[in-house]
C-alpha atoms as a PDB file:
ATOM      1  CA  MET A   1       0.000   0.000   0.000  1.00  0.00           C
ATOM      2  CA  LEU A   2       1.318   3.426  -1.002  1.00  0.00           C
ATOM      3  CA  ILE A   3       0.449   6.546   1.011  1.00  0.00           C
ATOM      4  CA  PRO A   4       0.788  10.018  -0.525  1.00  0.00           C
ATOM      5  CA  ILE A   5       2.997  12.372   1.461  1.00  0.00           C
ATOM      6  CA  TYR A   6       3.728  16.051   0.915  1.00  0.00           C
ATOM      7  CA  GLN A   7       6.592  18.214   2.100  1.00  0.00           C
ATOM      8  CA  VAL A   8       5.724  21.887   2.518  1.00  0.00           C
ATOM      9  CA  ASP A   9       7.833  24.912   3.398  1.00  0.00           C
ATOM     10  CA  ALA A  10       5.663  26.944   5.785  1.00  0.00           C
ATOM     11  CA  PHE A  11       5.776  30.635   6.712  1.00  0.00           C
ATOM     12  CA  THR A  12       7.440  31.532   3.440  1.00  0.00           C
ATOM     13  CA  ASP A  13       6.419  32.430  -0.110  1.00  0.00           C
ATOM     14  CA  ARG A  14       9.422  30.742  -1.750  1.00  0.00           C
ATOM     15  CA  PRO A  15      10.847  27.200  -1.740  1.00  0.00           C
ATOM     16  CA  TYR A  16      13.730  26.193   0.534  1.00  0.00           C
ATOM     17  CA  ALA A  17      12.983  28.796   3.184  1.00  0.00           C
ATOM     18  CA  GLY A  18      10.616  28.876   6.154  1.00  0.00           C
ATOM     19  CA  ASN A  19      10.000  25.664   8.089  1.00  0.00           C
ATOM     20  CA  PRO A  20       9.541  22.323   6.287  1.00  0.00           C
ATOM     21  CA  ALA A  21       6.827  19.938   7.447  1.00  0.00           C
ATOM     22  CA  ALA A  22       5.561  16.638   6.083  1.00  0.00           C
ATOM     23  CA  VAL A  23       1.814  16.011   5.745  1.00  0.00           C
ATOM     24  CA  CYS A  24       0.027  12.621   5.457  1.00  0.00           C
ATOM     25  CA  LEU A  25      -3.687  12.488   4.536  1.00  0.00           C
ATOM     26  CA  LEU A  26      -5.437   9.352   5.847  1.00  0.00           C
ATOM     27  CA  THR A  27      -8.960   7.955   6.268  1.00  0.00           C
ATOM     28  CA  GLU A  28      -8.446   5.906   9.443  1.00  0.00           C
ATOM     29  CA  PRO A  29      -6.382   6.569  12.556  1.00  0.00           C
ATOM     30  CA  PRO A  30      -2.923   5.056  12.073  1.00  0.00           C
ATOM     31  CA  ASP A  31      -0.950   3.214  14.708  1.00  0.00           C
ATOM     32  CA  ASP A  32       0.991   5.562  17.021  1.00  0.00           C
ATOM     33  CA  ALA A  33       4.236   3.653  16.564  1.00  0.00           C
ATOM     34  CA  TRP A  34       3.872   3.854  12.775  1.00  0.00           C
ATOM     35  CA  MET A  35       3.399   7.627  12.929  1.00  0.00           C
ATOM     36  CA  GLN A  36       6.484   7.981  15.101  1.00  0.00           C
ATOM     37  CA  ASP A  37       8.459   5.811  12.669  1.00  0.00           C
ATOM     38  CA  VAL A  38       7.354   7.954   9.727  1.00  0.00           C
ATOM     39  CA  ALA A  39       8.268  11.168  11.570  1.00  0.00           C
ATOM     40  CA  ALA A  40      11.701   9.755  12.350  1.00  0.00           C
ATOM     41  CA  GLU A  41      12.125   8.700   8.712  1.00  0.00           C
ATOM     42  CA  MET A  42      11.167  12.162   7.448  1.00  0.00           C
ATOM     43  CA  ASN A  43      13.535  13.716  10.007  1.00  0.00           C
ATOM     44  CA  LEU A  44      11.791  17.098   9.868  1.00  0.00           C
ATOM     45  CA  SER A  45      10.891  19.159  12.896  1.00  0.00           C
ATOM     46  CA  GLU A  46       7.272  17.941  12.529  1.00  0.00           C
ATOM     47  CA  THR A  47       5.220  15.520  10.488  1.00  0.00           C
ATOM     48  CA  ALA A  48       1.437  16.009  10.509  1.00  0.00           C
ATOM     49  CA  PHE A  49      -1.137  13.210  10.221  1.00  0.00           C
ATOM     50  CA  LEU A  50      -4.682  14.097   9.145  1.00  0.00           C
ATOM     51  CA  VAL A  51      -7.766  11.870   9.364  1.00  0.00           C
ATOM     52  CA  ALA A  52     -11.003  13.151   7.849  1.00  0.00           C
ATOM     53  CA  ARG A  53     -14.108  13.344  10.033  1.00  0.00           C
ATOM     54  CA  GLY A  54     -17.565  14.844   9.569  1.00  0.00           C
ATOM     55  CA  ASP A  55     -16.816  18.397  10.640  1.00  0.00           C
ATOM     56  CA  GLY A  56     -13.138  18.610   9.758  1.00  0.00           C
ATOM     57  CA  TYR A  57      -9.983  16.636  10.471  1.00  0.00           C
ATOM     58  CA  ASP A  58      -8.269  14.964  13.379  1.00  0.00           C
ATOM     59  CA  LEU A  59      -4.706  16.314  13.407  1.00  0.00           C
ATOM     60  CA  ARG A  60      -1.645  15.019  15.261  1.00  0.00           C
ATOM     61  CA  TRP A  61       1.964  16.185  15.116  1.00  0.00           C
ATOM     62  CA  PHE A  62       5.172  14.221  15.679  1.00  0.00           C
ATOM     63  CA  THR A  63       8.790  15.330  15.856  1.00  0.00           C
ATOM     64  CA  PRO A  64      11.411  12.665  15.033  1.00  0.00           C
ATOM     65  CA  THR A  65      11.321  11.632  18.709  1.00  0.00           C
ATOM     66  CA  VAL A  66       7.985  12.606  20.354  1.00  0.00           C
ATOM     67  CA  GLU A  67       4.366  13.590  19.763  1.00  0.00           C
ATOM     68  CA  VAL A  68       3.718  17.280  20.537  1.00  0.00           C
ATOM     69  CA  ASP A  69       0.624  19.117  21.762  1.00  0.00           C
ATOM     70  CA  LEU A  70       0.725  22.027  19.316  1.00  0.00           C
ATOM     71  CA  CYS A  71       2.548  22.863  16.089  1.00  0.00           C
ATOM     72  CA  GLY A  72       1.901  25.954  14.015  1.00  0.00           C
ATOM     73  CA  HIS A  73       3.909  25.383  10.861  1.00  0.00           C
ATOM     74  CA  ALA A  74       2.685  21.802  10.358  1.00  0.00           C
ATOM     75  CA  THR A  75      -0.918  23.007  10.819  1.00  0.00           C
ATOM     76  CA  LEU A  76      -0.314  25.712   8.221  1.00  0.00           C
ATOM     77  CA  ALA A  77       1.213  23.074   5.927  1.00  0.00           C
ATOM     78  CA  SER A  78      -1.796  20.793   6.486  1.00  0.00           C
ATOM     79  CA  ALA A  79      -4.278  23.488   5.485  1.00  0.00           C
ATOM     80  CA  HIS A  80      -2.143  24.316   2.442  1.00  0.00           C
ATOM     81  CA  VAL A  81      -2.100  20.655   1.306  1.00  0.00           C
ATOM     82  CA  LEU A  82      -5.858  20.268   1.803  1.00  0.00           C
ATOM     83  CA  ARG A  83      -6.520  23.242  -0.430  1.00  0.00           C
ATOM     84  CA  GLU A  84      -3.871  22.276  -2.997  1.00  0.00           C
ATOM     85  CA  THR A  85      -5.304  18.758  -3.349  1.00  0.00           C
ATOM     86  CA  GLY A  86      -8.840  20.075  -3.836  1.00  0.00           C
ATOM     87  CA  GLN A  87     -10.244  19.096  -0.434  1.00  0.00           C
ATOM     88  CA  LEU A  88     -11.101  22.720   0.418  1.00  0.00           C
ATOM     89  CA  ALA A  89     -12.614  25.599  -1.506  1.00  0.00           C
ATOM     90  CA  GLU A  90     -10.500  28.727  -1.950  1.00  0.00           C
ATOM     91  CA  ASP A  91     -12.366  30.682   0.747  1.00  0.00           C
ATOM     92  CA  ALA A  92     -13.208  27.760   3.058  1.00  0.00           C
ATOM     93  CA  GLU A  93     -12.505  27.467   6.773  1.00  0.00           C
ATOM     94  CA  VAL A  94     -11.153  24.136   8.010  1.00  0.00           C
ATOM     95  CA  ARG A  95     -11.457  22.739  11.535  1.00  0.00           C
ATOM     96  CA  PHE A  96      -8.736  20.647  13.127  1.00  0.00           C
ATOM     97  CA  HIS A  97      -9.376  18.546  16.251  1.00  0.00           C
ATOM     98  CA  THR A  98      -6.123  18.282  18.206  1.00  0.00           C
ATOM     99  CA  ARG A  99      -4.600  17.669  21.638  1.00  0.00           C
ATOM    100  CA  SER A 100      -4.798  21.464  22.091  1.00  0.00           C
ATOM    101  CA  GLY A 101      -8.512  21.598  21.317  1.00  0.00           C
ATOM    102  CA  GLU A 102     -10.247  22.753  18.149  1.00  0.00           C
ATOM    103  CA  LEU A 103      -8.124  24.890  15.834  1.00  0.00           C
ATOM    104  CA  THR A 104      -9.218  26.549  12.600  1.00  0.00           C
ATOM    105  CA  ALA A 105      -7.508  27.811   9.469  1.00  0.00           C
ATOM    106  CA  ARG A 106      -8.859  30.413   7.026  1.00  0.00           C
ATOM    107  CA  PHE A 107      -7.574  31.490   3.615  1.00  0.00           C
ATOM    108  CA  ASN A 108      -7.243  35.190   2.871  1.00  0.00           C
ATOM    109  CA  GLU A 109      -5.484  36.770  -0.128  1.00  0.00           C
ATOM    110  CA  GLY A 110      -2.693  34.234  -0.342  1.00  0.00           C
ATOM    111  CA  TRP A 111      -2.200  33.927   3.418  1.00  0.00           C
ATOM    112  CA  ILE A 112      -3.431  31.180   5.745  1.00  0.00           C
ATOM    113  CA  GLU A 113      -4.592  32.395   9.165  1.00  0.00           C
ATOM    114  CA  LEU A 114      -4.521  29.961  12.080  1.00  0.00           C
ATOM    115  CA  ASP A 115      -6.729  30.456  15.149  1.00  0.00           C
ATOM    116  CA  PHE A 116      -4.629  29.256  18.087  1.00  0.00           C
ATOM    117  CA  PRO A 117      -4.808  29.716  21.868  1.00  0.00           C
ATOM    118  CA  ALA A 118      -2.889  32.537  23.539  1.00  0.00           C
ATOM    119  CA  PHE A 119      -0.271  31.539  26.111  1.00  0.00           C
ATOM    120  CA  PRO A 120       0.630  34.565  28.230  1.00  0.00           C
ATOM    121  CA  ALA A 121       3.965  34.374  30.024  1.00  0.00           C
ATOM    122  CA  GLU A 122       4.822  35.404  33.587  1.00  0.00           C
ATOM    123  CA  ILE A 123       8.126  37.000  34.503  1.00  0.00           C
ATOM    124  CA  VAL A 124      10.256  34.531  36.482  1.00  0.00           C
ATOM    125  CA  THR A 125      13.763  34.162  37.806  1.00  0.00           C
ATOM    126  CA  ALA A 126      16.070  32.955  35.062  1.00  0.00           C
ATOM    127  CA  PRO A 127      16.767  29.203  35.281  1.00  0.00           C
ATOM    128  CA  ALA A 128      20.246  28.243  36.429  1.00  0.00           C
ATOM    129  CA  GLU A 129      22.831  28.360  33.643  1.00  0.00           C
ATOM    130  CA  LEU A 130      20.416  30.008  31.185  1.00  0.00           C
ATOM    131  CA  SER A 131      22.758  32.880  30.328  1.00  0.00           C
ATOM    132  CA  GLU A 132      25.750  30.568  29.923  1.00  0.00           C
ATOM    133  CA  SER A 133      23.754  28.085  27.860  1.00  0.00           C
ATOM    134  CA  LEU A 134      22.304  30.765  25.573  1.00  0.00           C
ATOM    135  CA  GLY A 135      25.444  32.897  25.401  1.00  0.00           C
ATOM    136  CA  ALA A 136      23.739  36.206  26.261  1.00  0.00           C
ATOM    137  CA  GLU A 137      22.385  38.111  29.257  1.00  0.00           C
ATOM    138  CA  PRO A 138      18.597  38.468  29.208  1.00  0.00           C
ATOM    139  CA  VAL A 139      16.636  41.678  29.664  1.00  0.00           C
ATOM    140  CA  ALA A 140      13.768  39.587  31.051  1.00  0.00           C
ATOM    141  CA  VAL A 141      12.797  35.916  31.367  1.00  0.00           C
ATOM    142  CA  ALA A 142       9.208  34.658  31.402  1.00  0.00           C
ATOM    143  CA  LEU A 143       7.622  31.211  31.641  1.00  0.00           C
ATOM    144  CA  ALA A 144       4.754  30.520  29.239  1.00  0.00           C
ATOM    145  CA  ARG A 145       1.450  29.445  30.734  1.00  0.00           C
ATOM    146  CA  ASP A 146       1.674  26.171  28.812  1.00  0.00           C
ATOM    147  CA  GLY A 147       4.762  25.370  30.924  1.00  0.00           C
ATOM    148  CA  HIS A 148       6.720  24.138  27.902  1.00  0.00           C
ATOM    149  CA  ASN A 149       8.736  27.250  27.045  1.00  0.00           C
ATOM    150  CA  HIS A 150      10.785  30.033  28.574  1.00  0.00           C
ATOM    151  CA  LEU A 151      10.713  33.343  26.724  1.00  0.00           C
ATOM    152  CA  VAL A 152      13.982  35.284  26.935  1.00  0.00           C
ATOM    153  CA  GLU A 153      13.980  38.935  25.868  1.00  0.00           C
ATOM    154  CA  LEU A 154      17.380  40.163  24.670  1.00  0.00           C
ATOM    155  CA  THR A 155      18.768  43.627  24.042  1.00  0.00           C
ATOM    156  CA  SER A 156      18.640  43.729  20.237  1.00  0.00           C
ATOM    157  CA  GLU A 157      17.948  41.886  17.019  1.00  0.00           C
ATOM    158  CA  ARG A 158      21.699  41.730  16.456  1.00  0.00           C
ATOM    159  CA  THR A 159      22.059  39.820  19.725  1.00  0.00           C
ATOM    160  CA  VAL A 160      19.277  37.381  18.781  1.00  0.00           C
ATOM    161  CA  ARG A 161      20.791  36.755  15.343  1.00  0.00           C
ATOM    162  CA  GLY A 162      24.277  36.284  16.778  1.00  0.00           C
ATOM    163  CA  LEU A 163      23.389  33.651  19.391  1.00  0.00           C
ATOM    164  CA  GLN A 164      25.549  30.531  19.371  1.00  0.00           C
ATOM    165  CA  PRO A 165      23.979  28.437  22.141  1.00  0.00           C
ATOM    166  CA  ASP A 166      25.506  25.506  23.926  1.00  0.00           C
ATOM    167  CA  PHE A 167      22.953  22.974  22.704  1.00  0.00           C
ATOM    168  CA  THR A 168      24.108  20.255  25.066  1.00  0.00           C
ATOM    169  CA  ARG A 169      23.299  22.496  28.038  1.00  0.00           C
ATOM    170  CA  LEU A 170      20.005  23.652  26.524  1.00  0.00           C
ATOM    171  CA  ARG A 171      18.837  20.051  26.087  1.00  0.00           C
ATOM    172  CA  ARG A 172      19.211  19.535  29.830  1.00  0.00           C
ATOM    173  CA  MET A 173      16.862  22.455  30.630  1.00  0.00           C
ATOM    174  CA  LYS A 174      13.721  20.405  29.780  1.00  0.00           C
ATOM    175  CA  THR A 175      11.941  23.400  28.204  1.00  0.00           C
ATOM    176  CA  GLY A 176      12.084  25.219  24.898  1.00  0.00           C
ATOM    177  CA  ILE A 177      13.831  28.598  24.801  1.00  0.00           C
ATOM    178  CA  ILE A 178      12.266  31.455  22.824  1.00  0.00           C
ATOM    179  CA  ALA A 179      14.866  34.196  22.285  1.00  0.00           C
ATOM    180  CA  THR A 180      13.322  37.488  21.172  1.00  0.00           C
ATOM    181  CA  SER A 181      13.850  41.232  20.807  1.00  0.00           C
ATOM    182  CA  ARG A 182      12.329  44.204  19.057  1.00  0.00           C
ATOM    183  CA  GLY A 183      12.948  44.256  15.325  1.00  0.00           C
ATOM    184  CA  ASP A 184      15.511  46.571  13.759  1.00  0.00           C
ATOM    185  CA  ASP A 185      13.915  46.797  10.304  1.00  0.00           C
ATOM    186  CA  ALA A 186      11.040  49.169   9.633  1.00  0.00           C
ATOM    187  CA  GLY A 187       7.721  47.343   9.878  1.00  0.00           C
ATOM    188  CA  ILE A 188       9.080  44.324  11.792  1.00  0.00           C
ATOM    189  CA  ASP A 189       7.771  44.565  15.353  1.00  0.00           C
ATOM    190  CA  PHE A 190       9.765  41.730  16.898  1.00  0.00           C
ATOM    191  CA  VAL A 191      12.125  38.925  15.950  1.00  0.00           C
ATOM    192  CA  SER A 192      12.756  35.538  17.527  1.00  0.00           C
ATOM    193  CA  ARG A 193      14.629  32.246  17.416  1.00  0.00           C
ATOM    194  CA  TYR A 194      13.481  29.006  19.019  1.00  0.00           C
ATOM    195  CA  PHE A 195      15.723  26.386  20.591  1.00  0.00           C
ATOM    196  CA  ALA A 196      13.865  23.149  21.315  1.00  0.00           C
ATOM    197  CA  GLY A 197      16.521  20.594  22.188  1.00  0.00           C
ATOM    198  CA  ALA A 198      14.264  19.290  24.953  1.00  0.00           C
ATOM    199  CA  PHE A 199      11.849  18.168  22.202  1.00  0.00           C
ATOM    200  CA  GLY A 200      14.446  16.778  19.799  1.00  0.00           C
ATOM    201  CA  ILE A 201      15.101  19.912  17.684  1.00  0.00           C
ATOM    202  CA  ASP A 202      18.128  22.099  18.505  1.00  0.00           C
ATOM    203  CA  GLU A 203      16.734  25.042  16.522  1.00  0.00           C
ATOM    204  CA  ASP A 204      13.373  25.180  14.782  1.00  0.00           C
ATOM    205  CA  PRO A 205      13.475  27.311  11.602  1.00  0.00           C
ATOM    206  CA  VAL A 206      10.052  28.993  12.002  1.00  0.00           C
ATOM    207  CA  THR A 207       7.653  28.177  14.831  1.00  0.00           C
ATOM    208  CA  GLY A 208       3.982  29.154  14.750  1.00  0.00           C
ATOM    209  CA  SER A 209       3.188  27.899  18.253  1.00  0.00           C
ATOM    210  CA  THR A 210       5.846  30.068  19.949  1.00  0.00           C
ATOM    211  CA  HIS A 211       3.970  33.103  18.654  1.00  0.00           C
ATOM    212  CA  CYS A 212       1.117  32.098  20.969  1.00  0.00           C
ATOM    213  CA  VAL A 213       3.578  33.219  23.660  1.00  0.00           C
ATOM    214  CA  LEU A 214       5.309  36.011  21.749  1.00  0.00           C
ATOM    215  CA  GLY A 215       2.077  37.749  20.722  1.00  0.00           C
ATOM    216  CA  PRO A 216       0.724  38.311  24.250  1.00  0.00           C
ATOM    217  CA  TYR A 217       4.218  39.156  25.544  1.00  0.00           C
ATOM    218  CA  TRP A 218       4.838  41.888  22.971  1.00  0.00           C
ATOM    219  CA  GLN A 219       1.257  43.108  23.356  1.00  0.00           C
ATOM    220  CA  GLY A 220       2.203  43.973  26.918  1.00  0.00           C
ATOM    221  CA  ARG A 221       5.566  45.467  25.925  1.00  0.00           C
ATOM    222  CA  LEU A 222       4.463  47.481  22.873  1.00  0.00           C
ATOM    223  CA  GLY A 223       0.854  48.297  23.762  1.00  0.00           C
ATOM    224  CA  LYS A 224      -0.727  46.981  20.566  1.00  0.00           C
ATOM    225  CA  SER A 225      -2.257  43.727  19.374  1.00  0.00           C
ATOM    226  CA  GLU A 226      -1.212  43.331  15.721  1.00  0.00           C
ATOM    227  CA  PHE A 227       2.344  42.561  14.672  1.00  0.00           C
ATOM    228  CA  LEU A 228       4.557  41.649  11.764  1.00  0.00           C
ATOM    229  CA  ALA A 229       7.128  39.189  13.095  1.00  0.00           C
ATOM    230  CA  ARG A 230      10.253  37.575  11.722  1.00  0.00           C
ATOM    231  CA  GLN A 231      11.902  34.372  12.922  1.00  0.00           C
ATOM    232  CA  VAL A 232      15.584  34.944  12.176  1.00  0.00           C
ATOM    233  CA  SER A 233      16.901  31.392  11.873  1.00  0.00           C
ATOM    234  CA  GLN A 234      19.138  30.520   8.936  1.00  0.00           C
ATOM    235  CA  ARG A 235      16.079  29.698   6.780  1.00  0.00           C
ATOM    236  CA  GLY A 236      13.922  32.480   8.220  1.00  0.00           C
ATOM    237  CA  GLY A 237      10.212  33.144   7.988  1.00  0.00           C
ATOM    238  CA  THR A 238       7.595  35.899   8.255  1.00  0.00           C
ATOM    239  CA  LEU A 239       4.377  35.802  10.289  1.00  0.00           C
ATOM    240  CA  LYS A 240       1.432  38.103  10.860  1.00  0.00           C
ATOM    241  CA  VAL A 241       0.306  37.908  14.497  1.00  0.00           C
ATOM    242  CA  ARG A 242      -2.876  39.275  16.067  1.00  0.00           C
ATOM    243  CA  VAL A 243      -3.859  38.811  19.722  1.00  0.00           C
ATOM    244  CA  ALA A 244      -7.622  38.656  20.302  1.00  0.00           C
ATOM    245  CA  GLY A 245      -8.482  37.951  23.933  1.00  0.00           C
ATOM    246  CA  ASP A 246      -7.514  34.380  24.740  1.00  0.00           C
ATOM    247  CA  ARG A 247      -6.713  33.583  21.094  1.00  0.00           C
ATOM    248  CA  THR A 248      -3.695  34.254  18.899  1.00  0.00           C
ATOM    249  CA  LEU A 249      -4.281  34.556  15.156  1.00  0.00           C
ATOM    250  CA  ILE A 250      -1.150  33.612  13.226  1.00  0.00           C
ATOM    251  CA  ALA A 251      -0.934  34.001   9.452  1.00  0.00           C
ATOM    252  CA  GLY A 252       1.649  32.748   6.993  1.00  0.00           C
ATOM    253  CA  GLN A 253       2.209  31.493   3.480  1.00  0.00           C
ATOM    254  CA  ALA A 254       3.342  28.069   2.255  1.00  0.00           C
ATOM    255  CA  VAL A 255       4.922  26.324  -0.739  1.00  0.00           C
ATOM    256  CA  THR A 256       4.875  22.605  -1.618  1.00  0.00           C
ATOM    257  CA  VAL A 257       8.371  21.377  -2.477  1.00  0.00           C
ATOM    258  CA  LEU A 258       7.914  17.593  -2.642  1.00  0.00           C
ATOM    259  CA  ARG A 259       5.158  15.100  -3.478  1.00  0.00           C
ATOM    260  CA  GLY A 260       5.855  11.432  -2.927  1.00  0.00           C
ATOM    261  CA  GLN A 261       4.657   8.095  -1.599  1.00  0.00           C
ATOM    262  CA  LEU A 262       5.259   6.186   1.599  1.00  0.00           C
ATOM    263  CA  THR A 263       5.375   2.418   1.659  1.00  0.00           C
ATOM    264  CA  ALA A 264       3.249   1.199   4.563  1.00  0.00           C
ATOM    265  CA  PRO A 265       4.212  -2.050   6.315  1.00  0.00           C
ATOM    266  CA  ALA A 266       1.902  -5.028   5.868  1.00  0.00           C
ATOM    267  CA  GLY A 267      -1.110  -4.735   8.162  1.00  0.00           C
ATOM    268  CA  ALA A 268      -0.461  -1.081   9.044  1.00  0.00           C
ATOM    269  CA  ALA A 269      -3.579   0.504  10.485  1.00  0.00           C
ATOM    270  CA  CYS A 270      -3.735   3.377   8.021  1.00  0.00           C
ATOM    271  CA  HIS A 271      -5.286   4.042   4.642  1.00  0.00           C
ATOM    272  CA  THR A 272      -4.717   6.670   2.003  1.00  0.00           C
ATOM    273  CA  ARG A 273      -7.407   9.121   0.921  1.00  0.00           C
ATOM    274  CA  ARG A 274      -9.156   7.283  -1.893  1.00  0.00           C
ATOM    275  CA  ASP A 275     -10.245  10.533  -3.561  1.00  0.00           C
ATOM    276  CA  ILE A 276      -6.676  11.805  -3.958  1.00  0.00           C
ATOM    277  CA  GLU A 277      -4.661  10.694  -6.955  1.00  0.00           C
ATOM    278  CA  PRO A 278      -1.406   9.112  -5.744  1.00  0.00           C
ATOM    279  CA  ALA A 279       1.385  11.618  -6.146  1.00  0.00           C
ATOM    280  CA  THR A 280       4.862  11.124  -7.528  1.00  0.00           C
ATOM    281  CA  HIS A 281       8.122  12.852  -6.709  1.00  0.00           C
ATOM    282  CA  CYS A 282       8.365  16.276  -8.305  1.00  0.00           C
END
């Protein structure tokens, strides 16, 4: 049995930038171990698995080592693939049922807007060895309400771009580290990088879910609720962020760079979408 799989660069309008994610479209829930094996084989920061249901899709995300509760760029990639394969109308809204509750995606003038929860962060004492591990002194450190990430504000975009963390130390911290500052370029409100060694990824190229923390944080710092943000990893990506009460609306663009097929093991509890023509490598 062959299963179509798509690789999408998310939060970018050009190939080979942004954050790559793999997307599998299925009709029945696959075995957890199989999904983890596929994610490890793809070796991307996340692989998304979609199963159609009456009012939308069940959506799960796996890194090469663990299942995660929330992933922005793989959700964006999933919505992009659904529209590209004809499963959604141009102006449709799609619902995703996830471990973080119901999420939606809308299409608007070439951008895909995700409706995600907001995760405000509380100022805390910096964890031991944070400065040494990151290689910079923070202006402020905050712990996100989801408990999975520390946000670290730094003095400048130049400092954020120039970070050369000690990844071995960061992996021992058990949380992700969001490094951020105000943007230097006109129109860019804030920049960030995300170090997620605790979850199997030393640095994530562009991370939608961290903007659920960054949006509320910079709302408090800048006194506004709409932002243009840039994640300044080597690949880089651009996001529109809007904080609306307890929700964070995150918009980005996406480009498909690969269409292929997975070979499922005999007896695997998963099935391809029968209404999608099997794809080939581009």
